[in-house]
N, C-alpha and C. Protein backbone atom coordinates (compact mmCIF):
# COMPACT_ATOMS: atom_id res chain seq x y z
N UNK A 1 181.86 40.29 119.24
CA UNK A 1 181.85 39.99 120.66
C UNK A 1 180.90 40.97 121.34
N UNK A 2 180.07 40.44 122.24
CA UNK A 2 179.16 41.27 123.02
C UNK A 2 179.78 41.50 124.40
N UNK A 3 179.40 42.62 125.00
CA UNK A 3 179.92 43.00 126.30
C UNK A 3 178.77 43.21 127.27
N UNK A 4 178.95 42.79 128.54
CA UNK A 4 177.99 43.02 129.61
C UNK A 4 178.68 43.86 130.67
N UNK A 5 178.05 44.97 131.05
CA UNK A 5 178.56 45.85 132.08
C UNK A 5 177.57 45.86 133.24
N UNK A 6 178.04 45.46 134.43
CA UNK A 6 177.22 45.45 135.63
C UNK A 6 177.62 46.66 136.48
N UNK A 7 176.71 47.57 136.68
CA UNK A 7 177.01 48.79 137.41
C UNK A 7 176.63 48.66 138.88
N UNK A 8 177.39 49.32 139.72
CA UNK A 8 177.16 49.23 141.16
C UNK A 8 175.82 49.83 141.57
N UNK A 9 175.20 50.61 140.69
CA UNK A 9 173.88 51.18 140.96
C UNK A 9 172.74 50.24 140.63
N UNK A 10 173.03 48.97 140.29
CA UNK A 10 171.97 47.99 140.05
C UNK A 10 171.60 47.75 138.61
N UNK A 11 172.17 48.52 137.70
CA UNK A 11 171.79 48.39 136.29
C UNK A 11 172.81 47.60 135.48
N UNK A 12 172.38 47.21 134.29
CA UNK A 12 173.20 46.44 133.36
C UNK A 12 173.13 47.09 131.98
N UNK A 13 174.26 47.09 131.28
CA UNK A 13 174.29 47.52 129.88
C UNK A 13 174.93 46.40 129.07
N UNK A 14 174.32 46.09 127.92
CA UNK A 14 174.86 45.09 127.00
C UNK A 14 175.10 45.78 125.66
N UNK A 15 176.28 45.56 125.12
CA UNK A 15 176.62 46.17 123.83
C UNK A 15 177.22 45.12 122.89
N UNK A 16 177.10 45.39 121.61
CA UNK A 16 177.89 44.64 120.64
C UNK A 16 179.01 45.59 120.23
N UNK A 17 179.61 45.40 119.12
CA UNK A 17 180.75 46.25 118.74
C UNK A 17 180.33 47.68 118.38
N UNK A 18 179.02 47.90 118.14
CA UNK A 18 178.59 49.22 117.68
C UNK A 18 177.64 49.94 118.62
N UNK A 19 176.73 49.23 119.30
CA UNK A 19 175.71 49.93 120.07
C UNK A 19 175.15 49.04 121.18
N UNK A 20 174.32 49.67 122.02
CA UNK A 20 173.66 48.94 123.09
C UNK A 20 172.58 48.02 122.51
N UNK A 21 172.28 46.97 123.27
CA UNK A 21 171.24 46.01 122.89
C UNK A 21 170.18 46.04 123.99
N UNK A 22 169.19 46.95 123.89
CA UNK A 22 168.23 47.16 124.96
C UNK A 22 167.47 45.91 125.40
N UNK A 23 167.14 45.02 124.48
CA UNK A 23 166.36 43.84 124.84
C UNK A 23 167.13 42.85 125.71
N UNK A 24 168.46 43.02 125.81
CA UNK A 24 169.27 42.17 126.67
C UNK A 24 169.64 42.85 127.99
N UNK A 25 169.16 44.07 128.19
CA UNK A 25 169.52 44.84 129.37
C UNK A 25 168.41 44.76 130.40
N UNK A 26 168.73 44.26 131.58
CA UNK A 26 167.79 44.26 132.69
C UNK A 26 168.59 44.50 133.96
N UNK A 27 168.02 45.25 134.86
CA UNK A 27 168.67 45.54 136.13
C UNK A 27 169.05 44.25 136.83
N UNK A 28 170.32 44.11 137.24
CA UNK A 28 170.72 42.90 137.96
C UNK A 28 170.02 42.84 139.31
N UNK A 29 169.70 43.99 139.88
CA UNK A 29 168.95 44.00 141.13
C UNK A 29 167.57 43.37 140.94
N UNK A 30 166.88 43.74 139.87
CA UNK A 30 165.54 43.18 139.62
C UNK A 30 165.61 41.69 139.27
N UNK A 31 166.68 41.26 138.63
CA UNK A 31 166.85 39.83 138.39
C UNK A 31 166.93 39.08 139.71
N UNK A 32 167.63 39.66 140.69
CA UNK A 32 167.72 39.01 141.99
C UNK A 32 166.39 39.04 142.72
N UNK A 33 165.64 40.12 142.57
CA UNK A 33 164.29 40.21 143.17
C UNK A 33 163.42 39.07 142.61
N UNK A 34 163.48 38.84 141.32
CA UNK A 34 162.72 37.74 140.70
C UNK A 34 163.20 36.39 141.20
N UNK A 35 164.50 36.25 141.43
CA UNK A 35 165.05 35.02 141.98
C UNK A 35 164.48 34.76 143.37
N UNK A 36 164.47 35.79 144.22
CA UNK A 36 163.89 35.63 145.55
C UNK A 36 162.45 35.15 145.48
N UNK A 37 161.68 35.77 144.59
CA UNK A 37 160.28 35.38 144.43
C UNK A 37 160.16 33.93 143.96
N UNK A 38 161.05 33.49 143.08
CA UNK A 38 161.01 32.12 142.57
C UNK A 38 161.30 31.10 143.67
N UNK A 39 161.95 31.55 144.75
CA UNK A 39 162.26 30.68 145.89
C UNK A 39 161.19 30.76 146.97
N UNK A 40 160.05 31.42 146.65
CA UNK A 40 158.94 31.51 147.59
C UNK A 40 159.06 32.64 148.60
N UNK A 41 160.01 33.53 148.38
CA UNK A 41 160.20 34.67 149.28
C UNK A 41 159.45 35.89 148.75
N UNK A 42 159.06 36.76 149.66
CA UNK A 42 158.43 38.02 149.29
C UNK A 42 159.54 39.08 149.19
N UNK A 43 159.92 39.51 147.99
CA UNK A 43 161.01 40.47 147.84
C UNK A 43 160.77 41.79 148.57
N UNK A 44 159.52 42.11 148.86
CA UNK A 44 159.21 43.36 149.54
C UNK A 44 159.56 43.32 151.02
N UNK A 45 159.89 42.13 151.53
CA UNK A 45 160.23 41.98 152.94
C UNK A 45 161.74 42.06 153.20
N UNK A 46 162.51 42.44 152.19
CA UNK A 46 163.96 42.54 152.30
C UNK A 46 164.38 44.00 152.25
N UNK A 47 165.52 44.30 152.86
CA UNK A 47 166.18 45.59 152.70
C UNK A 47 167.35 45.37 151.75
N UNK A 48 167.49 46.24 150.75
CA UNK A 48 168.51 46.09 149.72
C UNK A 48 169.58 47.16 149.89
N UNK A 49 170.83 46.75 149.79
CA UNK A 49 171.98 47.65 149.93
C UNK A 49 172.84 47.52 148.68
N UNK A 50 173.04 48.62 147.98
CA UNK A 50 173.88 48.63 146.78
C UNK A 50 175.22 49.28 147.12
N UNK A 51 176.26 48.93 146.38
CA UNK A 51 177.59 49.48 146.68
C UNK A 51 177.65 51.01 146.67
N UNK A 52 176.86 51.66 145.83
CA UNK A 52 176.95 53.12 145.73
C UNK A 52 175.81 53.85 146.43
N UNK A 53 174.90 53.11 147.07
CA UNK A 53 173.77 53.72 147.75
C UNK A 53 173.55 53.01 149.07
N UNK A 54 173.08 53.75 150.08
CA UNK A 54 172.84 53.12 151.37
C UNK A 54 171.73 52.07 151.27
N UNK A 55 170.56 52.48 150.89
CA UNK A 55 169.43 51.56 150.76
C UNK A 55 168.64 51.92 149.51
N UNK A 56 167.98 50.93 148.94
CA UNK A 56 167.02 51.17 147.88
C UNK A 56 165.71 50.50 148.28
N UNK A 57 164.64 51.02 147.73
CA UNK A 57 163.31 50.48 148.02
C UNK A 57 162.81 49.73 146.80
N UNK A 58 162.44 48.48 146.98
CA UNK A 58 161.82 47.69 145.92
C UNK A 58 160.32 47.79 146.10
N UNK A 59 159.60 47.97 145.00
CA UNK A 59 158.14 48.12 145.07
C UNK A 59 157.51 47.48 143.85
N UNK A 60 156.20 47.22 143.94
CA UNK A 60 155.45 46.71 142.79
C UNK A 60 154.78 47.89 142.08
N UNK A 61 154.84 47.86 140.77
CA UNK A 61 154.19 48.89 139.96
C UNK A 61 152.71 48.57 139.82
N UNK A 62 151.96 49.51 139.27
CA UNK A 62 150.52 49.28 139.05
C UNK A 62 150.28 48.15 138.06
N UNK A 63 151.29 47.82 137.24
CA UNK A 63 151.19 46.71 136.29
C UNK A 63 151.54 45.37 136.93
N UNK A 64 151.99 45.40 138.19
CA UNK A 64 152.34 44.17 138.89
C UNK A 64 153.79 43.75 138.77
N UNK A 65 154.61 44.57 138.10
CA UNK A 65 156.04 44.29 137.98
C UNK A 65 156.78 44.91 139.15
N UNK A 66 158.01 44.46 139.36
CA UNK A 66 158.85 45.07 140.39
C UNK A 66 159.68 46.18 139.78
N UNK A 67 159.97 47.19 140.61
CA UNK A 67 160.89 48.25 140.24
C UNK A 67 161.58 48.68 141.53
N UNK A 68 162.52 49.61 141.42
CA UNK A 68 163.23 50.07 142.61
C UNK A 68 163.61 51.53 142.46
N UNK A 69 163.88 52.15 143.62
CA UNK A 69 164.31 53.55 143.67
C UNK A 69 165.18 53.75 144.90
N UNK A 70 165.98 54.82 144.88
CA UNK A 70 166.78 55.18 146.04
C UNK A 70 165.85 55.57 147.17
N UNK A 71 166.22 55.17 148.39
CA UNK A 71 165.44 55.60 149.56
C UNK A 71 165.87 56.98 149.99
């Protein structure tokens, strides 16, 4: 059985019975950012609020991917 852990800080951990499975782990916050973009929205025009942090900043990396950090 595999387990998925969604953390209030925006991250996800996936494990099997012995160890983490890195290729299945992606920030749930970034998944939502990609969802917004798929709906024609600019994710950079939103303010994000996580349960354990007041605000986070979403930004594009030099490679063109999205990432985030605490404000």
